[in-house]
Amino acid sequence: MRSGIFNLLIIVSLFTSINCQAQTSTLDTFISVLEENSIYGKEVNWSKLKKELMHAEQFASLDSTTRIISSIQFIYQKLNDRHGSFFYNGKTYKGQFNDHFSKADSTILSYALDEKYAIRTTILADRYAYICIPSPSIPTSVFDNELEAVKILSAMGKQLQNIYLEVLNENIEGVIIDFRLSLGGAYPILISSLAPVLGDGIIFQMQGLDALNTSTVKLTKGNLYEDDRLIAQTDYNGSKIGSKVAILLGPLTSSAAEQSAIAFKGRKNVKYIGENSAGYLSMTSLFNFSNGNYFTYSSKLLRANDQKVYKTFLKPDIEVIGGDNFEDLYADKKVIRALEWFKNSK
């Protein structure tokens, strides 16, 4: 199977006219794909898992549709695949994990959905740039056409980059990159938009089940590549901006936001501040059914420039719990800690 964001796995499944048989076919196909391709697949005893599904009392009284959804959620849980999702008849289903979602997280979410805060730049203390990262995404159908996808990803990356360049200049002594309000989206948009801060070089490796499924994501002259394939183009040719970078993390920092934050691992003068991220670090692949339903599953893990493979969440170097204040950044405890680090570090 070819790797990469454009090589989404598409397999057509033939359904019978009888609903019960169709449900069985869907579940069998789901199991088959994950058993062969999930990055967590080798950690599961599939024979035992299939027997558990056949004899699970909690599924016995359910109708066929509810049973297949419950079974799929059960499999995601057994795989510990928090990032995978099953899209069925217009609804989204994930594994049911005991994740804590506090009242504070709900408050942060309201800011994440407000462009006034989610897409924001400013200068702090006259010499530090502050950039808040949004959650840009595009429909999965766009990736059916690679050239069109590159155009859209590039345009969105350039748009964000132009916003960031309003505060990024040679007089800046440090950059705060705030991922707390970013729920994810498309990582090529986020990473290409941050080319002025990242500079050219390897971003990370996407590590699959074997060497053939491993690829390298890198920036070259401001353009983003997966191996030799262009995936986002910004043409930024300026010098790297900001000698120090503070990465702000929070419990809502998810998926592409986590993947983009990892891009700064292994670099000098970088500090991660805040709380553990949400834990959706894996790269996912897509499987399409012929009836419009589809699912995603974790197919790759990221190896950062510090040579560590990240399986779950990002942990901050400096923990700061709560204290978020997006209306007054000078009263925000995580921002305050970042400014202190800038001033006290050599």
C-alpha atoms as a PDB file:
ATOM      1  CA  MET A   1       0.000   0.000   0.000  1.00  0.00           C
ATOM      2  CA  ARG A   2       1.452   3.386  -0.991  1.00  0.00           C
ATOM      3  CA  SER A   3       1.845   5.794   1.869  1.00  0.00           C
ATOM      4  CA  GLY A   4       0.942   9.417   2.231  1.00  0.00           C
ATOM      5  CA  ILE A   5      -1.821  11.913   2.560  1.00  0.00           C
ATOM      6  CA  PHE A   6      -2.796  11.587  -1.113  1.00  0.00           C
ATOM      7  CA  ASN A   7      -2.620   7.805  -1.202  1.00  0.00           C
ATOM      8  CA  LEU A   8      -5.712   7.238   0.907  1.00  0.00           C
ATOM      9  CA  LEU A   9      -6.741   3.629   0.969  1.00  0.00           C
ATOM     10  CA  ILE A  10      -9.877   3.127  -1.147  1.00  0.00           C
ATOM     11  CA  ILE A  11     -11.442  -0.295  -1.328  1.00  0.00           C
ATOM     12  CA  VAL A  12     -14.887  -0.989  -2.720  1.00  0.00           C
ATOM     13  CA  SER A  13     -17.034  -3.480  -0.846  1.00  0.00           C
ATOM     14  CA  LEU A  14     -19.956  -5.222  -2.578  1.00  0.00           C
ATOM     15  CA  PHE A  15     -23.097  -5.352  -0.476  1.00  0.00           C
ATOM     16  CA  THR A  16     -25.890  -7.892  -0.770  1.00  0.00           C
ATOM     17  CA  SER A  17     -29.491  -6.799  -0.927  1.00  0.00           C
ATOM     18  CA  ILE A  18     -30.252  -8.309   2.456  1.00  0.00           C
ATOM     19  CA  ASN A  19     -29.554  -5.838   5.258  1.00  0.00           C
ATOM     20  CA  CYS A  20     -28.249  -8.384   7.763  1.00  0.00           C
ATOM     21  CA  GLN A  21     -25.773  -9.752   5.238  1.00  0.00           C
ATOM     22  CA  ALA A  22     -24.703  -6.217   4.355  1.00  0.00           C
ATOM     23  CA  GLN A  23     -24.017  -5.450   8.006  1.00  0.00           C
ATOM     24  CA  THR A  24     -21.936  -8.613   8.341  1.00  0.00           C
ATOM     25  CA  SER A  25     -19.991  -7.725   5.190  1.00  0.00           C
ATOM     26  CA  THR A  26     -19.264  -4.250   6.561  1.00  0.00           C
ATOM     27  CA  LEU A  27     -17.962  -5.596   9.864  1.00  0.00           C
ATOM     28  CA  ASP A  28     -15.909  -8.336   8.193  1.00  0.00           C
ATOM     29  CA  THR A  29     -14.314  -5.800   5.859  1.00  0.00           C
ATOM     30  CA  PHE A  30     -13.603  -3.419   8.740  1.00  0.00           C
ATOM     31  CA  ILE A  31     -11.869  -6.194  10.689  1.00  0.00           C
ATOM     32  CA  SER A  32      -9.923  -7.384   7.651  1.00  0.00           C
ATOM     33  CA  VAL A  33      -8.565  -3.920   6.824  1.00  0.00           C
ATOM     34  CA  LEU A  34      -7.522  -3.154  10.394  1.00  0.00           C
ATOM     35  CA  GLU A  35      -6.009  -6.589  10.964  1.00  0.00           C
ATOM     36  CA  GLU A  36      -3.763  -6.081   7.940  1.00  0.00           C
ATOM     37  CA  ASN A  37      -3.052  -2.344   8.035  1.00  0.00           C
ATOM     38  CA  SER A  38      -3.580  -0.834  11.498  1.00  0.00           C
ATOM     39  CA  ILE A  39      -0.377   0.378  13.131  1.00  0.00           C
ATOM     40  CA  TYR A  40      -1.725  -1.191  16.337  1.00  0.00           C
ATOM     41  CA  GLY A  41      -2.827  -4.433  14.658  1.00  0.00           C
ATOM     42  CA  LYS A  42       0.072  -6.550  15.884  1.00  0.00           C
ATOM     43  CA  GLU A  43      -0.766  -5.712  19.484  1.00  0.00           C
ATOM     44  CA  VAL A  44      -4.125  -7.517  19.259  1.00  0.00           C
ATOM     45  CA  ASN A  45      -4.962 -11.222  19.297  1.00  0.00           C
ATOM     46  CA  TRP A  46      -7.403 -11.143  16.396  1.00  0.00           C
ATOM     47  CA  SER A  47      -8.666 -14.710  16.803  1.00  0.00           C
ATOM     48  CA  LYS A  48      -9.567 -13.978  20.395  1.00  0.00           C
ATOM     49  CA  LEU A  49     -11.098 -10.636  19.465  1.00  0.00           C
ATOM     50  CA  LYS A  50     -13.341 -12.176  16.800  1.00  0.00           C
ATOM     51  CA  LYS A  51     -14.576 -14.778  19.287  1.00  0.00           C
ATOM     52  CA  GLU A  52     -15.309 -12.024  21.800  1.00  0.00           C
ATOM     53  CA  LEU A  53     -17.427 -10.245  19.203  1.00  0.00           C
ATOM     54  CA  MET A  54     -19.345 -13.421  18.361  1.00  0.00           C
ATOM     55  CA  HIS A  55     -20.198 -14.181  21.970  1.00  0.00           C
ATOM     56  CA  ALA A  56     -20.362 -10.710  23.511  1.00  0.00           C
ATOM     57  CA  GLU A  57     -23.527 -10.573  25.606  1.00  0.00           C
ATOM     58  CA  GLN A  58     -23.679  -6.765  25.442  1.00  0.00           C
ATOM     59  CA  PHE A  59     -24.289  -6.977  21.680  1.00  0.00           C
ATOM     60  CA  ALA A  60     -26.779  -9.866  21.688  1.00  0.00           C
ATOM     61  CA  SER A  61     -29.957  -7.816  22.166  1.00  0.00           C
ATOM     62  CA  LEU A  62     -29.033  -5.063  19.709  1.00  0.00           C
ATOM     63  CA  ASP A  63     -30.494  -4.652  16.232  1.00  0.00           C
ATOM     64  CA  SER A  64     -28.120  -5.285  13.327  1.00  0.00           C
ATOM     65  CA  THR A  65     -27.197  -1.634  12.709  1.00  0.00           C
ATOM     66  CA  THR A  66     -26.546  -0.819  16.356  1.00  0.00           C
ATOM     67  CA  ARG A  67     -24.648  -4.064  16.762  1.00  0.00           C
ATOM     68  CA  ILE A  68     -22.193  -3.309  13.957  1.00  0.00           C
ATOM     69  CA  ILE A  69     -21.542   0.200  15.308  1.00  0.00           C
ATOM     70  CA  SER A  70     -21.042  -1.108  18.840  1.00  0.00           C
ATOM     71  CA  SER A  71     -18.732  -3.828  17.513  1.00  0.00           C
ATOM     72  CA  ILE A  72     -16.660  -1.302  15.577  1.00  0.00           C
ATOM     73  CA  GLN A  73     -16.368   0.953  18.621  1.00  0.00           C
ATOM     74  CA  PHE A  74     -15.321  -2.096  20.635  1.00  0.00           C
ATOM     75  CA  ILE A  75     -12.561  -2.879  18.097  1.00  0.00           C
ATOM     76  CA  TYR A  76     -11.249   0.693  18.163  1.00  0.00           C
ATOM     77  CA  GLN A  77     -11.050   0.404  21.939  1.00  0.00           C
ATOM     78  CA  LYS A  78      -9.207  -2.920  21.820  1.00  0.00           C
ATOM     79  CA  LEU A  79      -6.700  -1.401  19.392  1.00  0.00           C
ATOM     80  CA  ASN A  80      -6.464   1.727  21.545  1.00  0.00           C
ATOM     81  CA  ASP A  81      -7.037   3.660  18.333  1.00  0.00           C
ATOM     82  CA  ARG A  82      -8.328   7.025  19.522  1.00  0.00           C
ATOM     83  CA  HIS A  83      -7.853   8.630  16.132  1.00  0.00           C
ATOM     84  CA  GLY A  84      -9.907   6.220  14.026  1.00  0.00           C
ATOM     85  CA  SER A  85     -13.513   7.089  13.153  1.00  0.00           C
ATOM     86  CA  PHE A  86     -16.402   5.286  11.465  1.00  0.00           C
ATOM     87  CA  PHE A  87     -18.677   7.474   9.329  1.00  0.00           C
ATOM     88  CA  TYR A  88     -22.036   5.765   8.923  1.00  0.00           C
ATOM     89  CA  ASN A  89     -25.194   7.286   7.412  1.00  0.00           C
ATOM     90  CA  GLY A  90     -24.070  10.831   8.175  1.00  0.00           C
ATOM     91  CA  LYS A  91     -22.954  10.170  11.748  1.00  0.00           C
ATOM     92  CA  THR A  92     -19.479   9.727  13.238  1.00  0.00           C
ATOM     93  CA  TYR A  93     -18.562   6.971  15.694  1.00  0.00           C
ATOM     94  CA  LYS A  94     -15.323   6.522  17.620  1.00  0.00           C
ATOM     95  CA  GLY A  95     -14.049   4.193  20.295  1.00  0.00           C
ATOM     96  CA  GLN A  96     -15.442   4.992  23.718  1.00  0.00           C
ATOM     97  CA  PHE A  97     -12.515   5.953  25.919  1.00  0.00           C
ATOM     98  CA  ASN A  98     -12.648   7.292  29.445  1.00  0.00           C
ATOM     99  CA  ASP A  99     -11.213  10.669  28.481  1.00  0.00           C
ATOM    100  CA  HIS A 100     -11.780  13.510  30.895  1.00  0.00           C
ATOM    101  CA  PHE A 101     -13.551  16.489  29.363  1.00  0.00           C
ATOM    102  CA  SER A 102     -13.801  19.214  31.973  1.00  0.00           C
ATOM    103  CA  LYS A 103     -15.865  22.377  32.157  1.00  0.00           C
ATOM    104  CA  ALA A 104     -12.669  24.303  31.458  1.00  0.00           C
ATOM    105  CA  ASP A 105     -12.211  22.357  28.211  1.00  0.00           C
ATOM    106  CA  SER A 106     -15.732  23.350  27.145  1.00  0.00           C
ATOM    107  CA  THR A 107     -14.858  26.990  27.746  1.00  0.00           C
ATOM    108  CA  ILE A 108     -11.681  26.680  25.675  1.00  0.00           C
ATOM    109  CA  LEU A 109     -13.705  25.046  22.885  1.00  0.00           C
ATOM    110  CA  SER A 110     -15.906  28.127  22.610  1.00  0.00           C
ATOM    111  CA  TYR A 111     -12.785  30.184  21.877  1.00  0.00           C
ATOM    112  CA  ALA A 112     -11.524  27.583  19.396  1.00  0.00           C
ATOM    113  CA  LEU A 113     -14.728  28.026  17.392  1.00  0.00           C
ATOM    114  CA  ASP A 114     -14.433  31.830  17.400  1.00  0.00           C
ATOM    115  CA  GLU A 115     -12.170  33.165  14.620  1.00  0.00           C
ATOM    116  CA  LYS A 116     -11.557  36.312  16.655  1.00  0.00           C
ATOM    117  CA  TYR A 117      -9.373  34.200  18.949  1.00  0.00           C
ATOM    118  CA  ALA A 118      -8.526  31.111  16.879  1.00  0.00           C
ATOM    119  CA  ILE A 119      -6.816  33.071  14.076  1.00  0.00           C
ATOM    120  CA  ARG A 120      -4.869  35.785  15.849  1.00  0.00           C
ATOM    121  CA  THR A 121      -1.425  37.360  15.887  1.00  0.00           C
ATOM    122  CA  THR A 122       0.049  40.099  18.033  1.00  0.00           C
ATOM    123  CA  ILE A 123       3.293  41.436  19.462  1.00  0.00           C
ATOM    124  CA  LEU A 124       3.868  40.912  23.189  1.00  0.00           C
ATOM    125  CA  ALA A 125       6.268  42.963  25.316  1.00  0.00           C
ATOM    126  CA  ASP A 126       7.427  44.772  22.158  1.00  0.00           C
ATOM    127  CA  ARG A 127       9.696  41.942  20.973  1.00  0.00           C
ATOM    128  CA  TYR A 128       7.854  38.607  21.027  1.00  0.00           C
ATOM    129  CA  ALA A 129       5.492  37.402  18.310  1.00  0.00           C
ATOM    130  CA  TYR A 130       2.313  35.563  19.314  1.00  0.00           C
ATOM    131  CA  ILE A 131       0.602  33.293  16.774  1.00  0.00           C
ATOM    132  CA  CYS A 132      -2.590  31.367  17.525  1.00  0.00           C
ATOM    133  CA  ILE A 133      -3.046  28.322  15.293  1.00  0.00           C
ATOM    134  CA  PRO A 134      -6.552  27.563  13.908  1.00  0.00           C
ATOM    135  CA  SER A 135      -8.080  24.278  12.694  1.00  0.00           C
ATOM    136  CA  PRO A 136      -8.056  24.423   8.871  1.00  0.00           C
ATOM    137  CA  SER A 137      -9.476  21.392   7.089  1.00  0.00           C
ATOM    138  CA  ILE A 138     -10.750  20.391   3.666  1.00  0.00           C
ATOM    139  CA  PRO A 139     -13.220  17.656   2.596  1.00  0.00           C
ATOM    140  CA  THR A 140     -11.709  14.193   2.166  1.00  0.00           C
ATOM    141  CA  SER A 141     -13.158  14.066  -1.363  1.00  0.00           C
ATOM    142  CA  VAL A 142     -10.643  16.734  -2.443  1.00  0.00           C
ATOM    143  CA  PHE A 143      -7.832  14.203  -2.115  1.00  0.00           C
ATOM    144  CA  ASP A 144      -9.263  12.211  -5.020  1.00  0.00           C
ATOM    145  CA  ASN A 145      -7.490  14.745  -7.246  1.00  0.00           C
ATOM    146  CA  GLU A 146      -3.887  15.197  -6.104  1.00  0.00           C
ATOM    147  CA  LEU A 147      -3.182  18.335  -8.142  1.00  0.00           C
ATOM    148  CA  GLU A 148      -6.346  20.029  -6.925  1.00  0.00           C
ATOM    149  CA  ALA A 149      -5.557  19.042  -3.340  1.00  0.00           C
ATOM    150  CA  VAL A 150      -2.071  20.574  -3.577  1.00  0.00           C
ATOM    151  CA  LYS A 151      -3.572  23.816  -4.902  1.00  0.00           C
ATOM    152  CA  ILE A 152      -6.068  24.051  -2.059  1.00  0.00           C
ATOM    153  CA  LEU A 153      -3.593  23.073   0.675  1.00  0.00           C
ATOM    154  CA  SER A 154      -1.053  25.549  -0.717  1.00  0.00           C
ATOM    155  CA  ALA A 155      -3.540  28.412  -0.945  1.00  0.00           C
ATOM    156  CA  MET A 156      -4.727  27.900   2.629  1.00  0.00           C
ATOM    157  CA  GLY A 157      -1.159  27.573   3.907  1.00  0.00           C
ATOM    158  CA  LYS A 158      -0.130  30.789   2.136  1.00  0.00           C
ATOM    159  CA  GLN A 159      -3.139  32.629   3.527  1.00  0.00           C
ATOM    160  CA  LEU A 160      -2.197  31.728   7.100  1.00  0.00           C
ATOM    161  CA  GLN A 161       1.497  32.370   6.464  1.00  0.00           C
ATOM    162  CA  ASN A 162       0.735  35.898   5.243  1.00  0.00           C
ATOM    163  CA  ILE A 163      -1.164  36.551   8.466  1.00  0.00           C
ATOM    164  CA  TYR A 164       1.755  35.284  10.548  1.00  0.00           C
ATOM    165  CA  LEU A 165       4.296  37.347   8.604  1.00  0.00           C
ATOM    166  CA  GLU A 166       2.554  40.500   9.841  1.00  0.00           C
ATOM    167  CA  VAL A 167       4.245  39.911  13.216  1.00  0.00           C
ATOM    168  CA  LEU A 168       7.280  37.867  12.173  1.00  0.00           C
ATOM    169  CA  ASN A 169      10.283  40.047  11.386  1.00  0.00           C
ATOM    170  CA  GLU A 170      14.017  40.262  12.051  1.00  0.00           C
ATOM    171  CA  ASN A 171      13.454  42.263  15.259  1.00  0.00           C
ATOM    172  CA  ILE A 172      11.523  39.441  16.913  1.00  0.00           C
ATOM    173  CA  GLU A 173      13.464  37.743  19.731  1.00  0.00           C
ATOM    174  CA  GLY A 174      11.035  34.891  20.286  1.00  0.00           C
ATOM    175  CA  VAL A 175       7.832  33.360  18.939  1.00  0.00           C
ATOM    176  CA  ILE A 176       4.913  31.920  20.901  1.00  0.00           C
ATOM    177  CA  ILE A 177       3.012  29.381  18.806  1.00  0.00           C
ATOM    178  CA  ASP A 178      -0.294  28.675  20.511  1.00  0.00           C
ATOM    179  CA  PHE A 179      -1.811  25.311  19.576  1.00  0.00           C
ATOM    180  CA  ARG A 180      -4.362  25.321  22.422  1.00  0.00           C
ATOM    181  CA  LEU A 181      -7.270  26.281  20.154  1.00  0.00           C
ATOM    182  CA  SER A 182      -6.316  24.039  17.240  1.00  0.00           C
ATOM    183  CA  LEU A 183      -8.481  20.933  16.968  1.00  0.00           C
ATOM    184  CA  GLY A 184      -6.492  19.680  13.988  1.00  0.00           C
ATOM    185  CA  GLY A 185      -7.381  19.728  10.319  1.00  0.00           C
ATOM    186  CA  ALA A 186      -4.842  19.170   7.540  1.00  0.00           C
ATOM    187  CA  TYR A 187      -1.227  19.117   8.691  1.00  0.00           C
ATOM    188  CA  PRO A 188       0.216  20.314   5.319  1.00  0.00           C
ATOM    189  CA  ILE A 189      -1.652  23.596   5.796  1.00  0.00           C
ATOM    190  CA  LEU A 190      -0.377  24.113   9.330  1.00  0.00           C
ATOM    191  CA  ILE A 191       3.230  23.097   8.728  1.00  0.00           C
ATOM    192  CA  SER A 192       3.652  24.989   5.450  1.00  0.00           C
ATOM    193  CA  SER A 193       2.181  28.101   7.065  1.00  0.00           C
ATOM    194  CA  LEU A 194       4.866  27.891   9.761  1.00  0.00           C
ATOM    195  CA  ALA A 195       7.763  27.622   7.284  1.00  0.00           C
ATOM    196  CA  PRO A 196       9.171  31.037   8.357  1.00  0.00           C
ATOM    197  CA  VAL A 197       9.611  29.740  11.918  1.00  0.00           C
ATOM    198  CA  LEU A 198      10.559  26.147  11.107  1.00  0.00           C
ATOM    199  CA  GLY A 199      13.025  26.830   8.318  1.00  0.00           C
ATOM    200  CA  ASP A 200      14.088  24.211   5.794  1.00  0.00           C
ATOM    201  CA  GLY A 201      14.840  20.638   6.820  1.00  0.00           C
ATOM    202  CA  ILE A 202      13.229  17.396   7.943  1.00  0.00           C
ATOM    203  CA  ILE A 203       9.952  17.883   9.803  1.00  0.00           C
ATOM    204  CA  PHE A 204       9.339  14.279  10.861  1.00  0.00           C
ATOM    205  CA  GLN A 205       9.130  10.737   9.543  1.00  0.00           C
ATOM    206  CA  MET A 206       5.862   8.852   9.145  1.00  0.00           C
ATOM    207  CA  GLN A 207       6.591   5.307  10.258  1.00  0.00           C
ATOM    208  CA  GLY A 208       4.369   2.499   8.987  1.00  0.00           C
ATOM    209  CA  LEU A 209       4.305  -1.218   9.654  1.00  0.00           C
ATOM    210  CA  ASP A 210       7.529  -1.734   7.699  1.00  0.00           C
ATOM    211  CA  ALA A 211      10.302   0.215   5.973  1.00  0.00           C
ATOM    212  CA  LEU A 212       8.335   0.373   2.707  1.00  0.00           C
ATOM    213  CA  ASN A 213       5.598   2.287   4.513  1.00  0.00           C
ATOM    214  CA  THR A 214       7.923   4.898   6.018  1.00  0.00           C
ATOM    215  CA  SER A 215       8.236   8.349   4.469  1.00  0.00           C
ATOM    216  CA  THR A 216       9.914  11.654   5.298  1.00  0.00           C
ATOM    217  CA  VAL A 217       8.155  15.008   5.479  1.00  0.00           C
ATOM    218  CA  LYS A 218      10.445  17.984   4.871  1.00  0.00           C
ATOM    219  CA  LEU A 219      10.491  21.679   4.025  1.00  0.00           C
ATOM    220  CA  THR A 220      12.614  22.804   1.078  1.00  0.00           C
ATOM    221  CA  LYS A 221      12.636  26.490   0.104  1.00  0.00           C
ATOM    222  CA  GLY A 222       9.410  26.943   2.011  1.00  0.00           C
ATOM    223  CA  ASN A 223       7.638  24.113   0.174  1.00  0.00           C
ATOM    224  CA  LEU A 224       6.434  20.958   1.919  1.00  0.00           C
ATOM    225  CA  TYR A 225       7.265  17.518   0.541  1.00  0.00           C
ATOM    226  CA  GLU A 226       6.511  13.938   1.473  1.00  0.00           C
ATOM    227  CA  ASP A 227       9.628  12.205   0.183  1.00  0.00           C
ATOM    228  CA  ASP A 228       9.899  13.721  -3.319  1.00  0.00           C
ATOM    229  CA  ARG A 229       6.209  14.548  -3.728  1.00  0.00           C
ATOM    230  CA  LEU A 230       5.055  18.147  -3.272  1.00  0.00           C
ATOM    231  CA  ILE A 231       2.110  18.396  -0.874  1.00  0.00           C
ATOM    232  CA  ALA A 232       1.985  22.148  -0.132  1.00  0.00           C
ATOM    233  CA  GLN A 233       3.707  25.111  -1.735  1.00  0.00           C
ATOM    234  CA  THR A 234       4.315  28.532  -0.162  1.00  0.00           C
ATOM    235  CA  ASP A 235       7.630  29.512  -1.802  1.00  0.00           C
ATOM    236  CA  TYR A 236       8.809  31.255   1.375  1.00  0.00           C
ATOM    237  CA  ASN A 237      12.446  32.115   0.691  1.00  0.00           C
ATOM    238  CA  GLY A 238      13.221  34.324   3.655  1.00  0.00           C
ATOM    239  CA  SER A 239      15.440  33.448   6.580  1.00  0.00           C
ATOM    240  CA  LYS A 240      14.263  31.545   9.632  1.00  0.00           C
ATOM    241  CA  ILE A 241      12.574  33.903  12.106  1.00  0.00           C
ATOM    242  CA  GLY A 242      12.782  33.707  15.902  1.00  0.00           C
ATOM    243  CA  SER A 243      15.751  32.402  17.863  1.00  0.00           C
ATOM    244  CA  LYS A 244      13.461  31.011  20.582  1.00  0.00           C
ATOM    245  CA  VAL A 245      10.114  29.272  20.178  1.00  0.00           C
ATOM    246  CA  ALA A 246       7.547  28.522  22.896  1.00  0.00           C
ATOM    247  CA  ILE A 247       4.898  25.943  21.965  1.00  0.00           C
ATOM    248  CA  LEU A 248       1.669  26.198  23.970  1.00  0.00           C
ATOM    249  CA  LEU A 249      -0.308  22.965  24.383  1.00  0.00           C
ATOM    250  CA  GLY A 250      -3.701  22.202  25.880  1.00  0.00           C
ATOM    251  CA  PRO A 251      -6.214  19.354  26.214  1.00  0.00           C
ATOM    252  CA  LEU A 252      -7.912  20.323  22.932  1.00  0.00           C
ATOM    253  CA  THR A 253      -4.676  20.319  20.896  1.00  0.00           C
ATOM    254  CA  SER A 254      -5.490  17.474  18.518  1.00  0.00           C
ATOM    255  CA  SER A 255      -4.476  15.560  15.412  1.00  0.00           C
ATOM    256  CA  ALA A 256      -2.816  17.858  12.838  1.00  0.00           C
ATOM    257  CA  ALA A 257      -2.113  20.379  15.603  1.00  0.00           C
ATOM    258  CA  GLU A 258      -0.202  17.744  17.577  1.00  0.00           C
ATOM    259  CA  GLN A 259       1.570  16.578  14.426  1.00  0.00           C
ATOM    260  CA  SER A 260       2.587  20.158  13.617  1.00  0.00           C
ATOM    261  CA  ALA A 261       3.767  20.778  17.173  1.00  0.00           C
ATOM    262  CA  ILE A 262       6.018  17.709  16.886  1.00  0.00           C
ATOM    263  CA  ALA A 263       7.798  19.461  14.009  1.00  0.00           C
ATOM    264  CA  PHE A 264       9.709  21.511  16.593  1.00  0.00           C
ATOM    265  CA  LYS A 265      11.007  18.492  18.527  1.00  0.00           C
ATOM    266  CA  GLY A 266      14.782  18.076  18.490  1.00  0.00           C
ATOM    267  CA  ARG A 267      15.383  21.760  17.771  1.00  0.00           C
ATOM    268  CA  LYS A 268      17.403  24.129  19.935  1.00  0.00           C
ATOM    269  CA  ASN A 269      15.753  26.862  22.007  1.00  0.00           C
ATOM    270  CA  VAL A 270      12.277  25.321  21.885  1.00  0.00           C
ATOM    271  CA  LYS A 271      10.118  24.808  24.956  1.00  0.00           C
ATOM    272  CA  TYR A 272       6.713  23.104  25.225  1.00  0.00           C
ATOM    273  CA  ILE A 273       4.487  24.758  27.827  1.00  0.00           C
ATOM    274  CA  GLY A 274       1.012  23.927  29.117  1.00  0.00           C
ATOM    275  CA  GLU A 275      -0.905  20.658  29.434  1.00  0.00           C
ATOM    276  CA  ASN A 276      -0.903  17.242  27.779  1.00  0.00           C
ATOM    277  CA  SER A 277      -2.357  17.296  24.278  1.00  0.00           C
ATOM    278  CA  ALA A 278      -5.462  15.315  23.301  1.00  0.00           C
ATOM    279  CA  GLY A 279      -3.660  12.194  22.077  1.00  0.00           C
ATOM    280  CA  TYR A 280      -4.484  11.937  18.348  1.00  0.00           C
ATOM    281  CA  LEU A 281      -0.902  11.906  17.079  1.00  0.00           C
ATOM    282  CA  SER A 282      -1.133   9.037  14.611  1.00  0.00           C
ATOM    283  CA  MET A 283      -1.513   9.441  10.863  1.00  0.00           C
ATOM    284  CA  THR A 284      -4.717   7.916   9.531  1.00  0.00           C
ATOM    285  CA  SER A 285      -5.727   6.173   6.317  1.00  0.00           C
ATOM    286  CA  LEU A 286      -9.174   6.202   4.749  1.00  0.00           C
ATOM    287  CA  PHE A 287     -11.300   3.275   3.566  1.00  0.00           C
ATOM    288  CA  ASN A 288     -14.322   4.002   1.345  1.00  0.00           C
ATOM    289  CA  PHE A 289     -17.344   1.728   0.940  1.00  0.00           C
ATOM    290  CA  SER A 290     -19.370   1.859  -2.277  1.00  0.00           C
ATOM    291  CA  ASN A 291     -22.444   3.228  -0.473  1.00  0.00           C
ATOM    292  CA  GLY A 292     -20.801   6.449   0.752  1.00  0.00           C
ATOM    293  CA  ASN A 293     -19.912   5.221   4.228  1.00  0.00           C
ATOM    294  CA  TYR A 294     -16.241   5.163   5.183  1.00  0.00           C
ATOM    295  CA  PHE A 295     -13.853   4.836   8.099  1.00  0.00           C
ATOM    296  CA  THR A 296     -10.385   5.934   9.124  1.00  0.00           C
ATOM    297  CA  TYR A 297      -7.801   4.110  11.178  1.00  0.00           C
ATOM    298  CA  SER A 298      -4.309   4.784  12.499  1.00  0.00           C
ATOM    299  CA  SER A 299      -1.802   3.542   9.936  1.00  0.00           C
ATOM    300  CA  LYS A 300       1.393   5.395  10.887  1.00  0.00           C
ATOM    301  CA  LEU A 301       3.196   6.885  13.867  1.00  0.00           C
ATOM    302  CA  LEU A 302       5.504   9.885  13.847  1.00  0.00           C
ATOM    303  CA  ARG A 303       9.228   9.803  14.518  1.00  0.00           C
ATOM    304  CA  ALA A 304      10.349  13.311  15.397  1.00  0.00           C
ATOM    305  CA  ASN A 305      13.761  14.892  14.982  1.00  0.00           C
ATOM    306  CA  ASP A 306      14.599  13.920  18.562  1.00  0.00           C
ATOM    307  CA  GLN A 307      14.404  10.316  17.223  1.00  0.00           C
ATOM    308  CA  LYS A 308      11.461   9.445  19.478  1.00  0.00           C
ATOM    309  CA  VAL A 309       8.309   7.773  18.162  1.00  0.00           C
ATOM    310  CA  TYR A 310       5.227   9.482  19.580  1.00  0.00           C
ATOM    311  CA  LYS A 311       2.299   7.120  20.115  1.00  0.00           C
ATOM    312  CA  THR A 312      -0.149   8.983  22.324  1.00  0.00           C
ATOM    313  CA  PHE A 313       0.006  12.611  23.434  1.00  0.00           C
ATOM    314  CA  LEU A 314       2.540  15.408  23.695  1.00  0.00           C
ATOM    315  CA  LYS A 315       3.724  16.200  27.196  1.00  0.00           C
ATOM    316  CA  PRO A 316       4.903  19.743  27.978  1.00  0.00           C
ATOM    317  CA  ASP A 317       8.402  20.519  29.227  1.00  0.00           C
ATOM    318  CA  ILE A 318       6.868  23.033  31.622  1.00  0.00           C
ATOM    319  CA  GLU A 319       3.459  22.050  32.988  1.00  0.00           C
ATOM    320  CA  VAL A 320       0.938  24.825  33.530  1.00  0.00           C
ATOM    321  CA  ILE A 321      -2.551  23.564  34.373  1.00  0.00           C
ATOM    322  CA  GLY A 322      -5.443  25.879  33.557  1.00  0.00           C
ATOM    323  CA  GLY A 323      -5.072  29.617  33.781  1.00  0.00           C
ATOM    324  CA  ASP A 324      -6.036  30.165  30.134  1.00  0.00           C
ATOM    325  CA  ASN A 325      -7.110  33.712  29.321  1.00  0.00           C
ATOM    326  CA  PHE A 326      -7.584  34.294  25.611  1.00  0.00           C
ATOM    327  CA  GLU A 327      -9.194  37.684  26.140  1.00  0.00           C
ATOM    328  CA  ASP A 328      -6.165  39.059  28.004  1.00  0.00           C
ATOM    329  CA  LEU A 329      -2.944  37.289  27.013  1.00  0.00           C
ATOM    330  CA  TYR A 330      -0.936  39.179  29.621  1.00  0.00           C
ATOM    331  CA  ALA A 331      -3.128  37.477  32.253  1.00  0.00           C
ATOM    332  CA  ASP A 332      -2.808  34.037  30.626  1.00  0.00           C
ATOM    333  CA  LYS A 333      -0.661  31.786  32.840  1.00  0.00           C
ATOM    334  CA  LYS A 334       0.783  29.797  29.940  1.00  0.00           C
ATOM    335  CA  VAL A 335       1.680  32.956  28.019  1.00  0.00           C
ATOM    336  CA  ILE A 336       3.174  34.453  31.185  1.00  0.00           C
ATOM    337  CA  ARG A 337       5.338  31.357  31.633  1.00  0.00           C
ATOM    338  CA  ALA A 338       6.474  31.548  27.999  1.00  0.00           C
ATOM    339  CA  LEU A 339       7.496  35.198  28.402  1.00  0.00           C
ATOM    340  CA  GLU A 340       9.397  34.317  31.579  1.00  0.00           C
ATOM    341  CA  TRP A 341      11.256  31.569  29.728  1.00  0.00           C
ATOM    342  CA  PHE A 342      12.166  33.958  26.915  1.00  0.00           C
ATOM    343  CA  LYS A 343      13.565  36.503  29.361  1.00  0.00           C
ATOM    344  CA  ASN A 344      15.431  34.033  31.584  1.00  0.00           C
ATOM    345  CA  SER A 345      16.908  31.677  28.981  1.00  0.00           C
ATOM    346  CA  LYS A 346      20.214  32.416  27.296  1.00  0.00           C
END
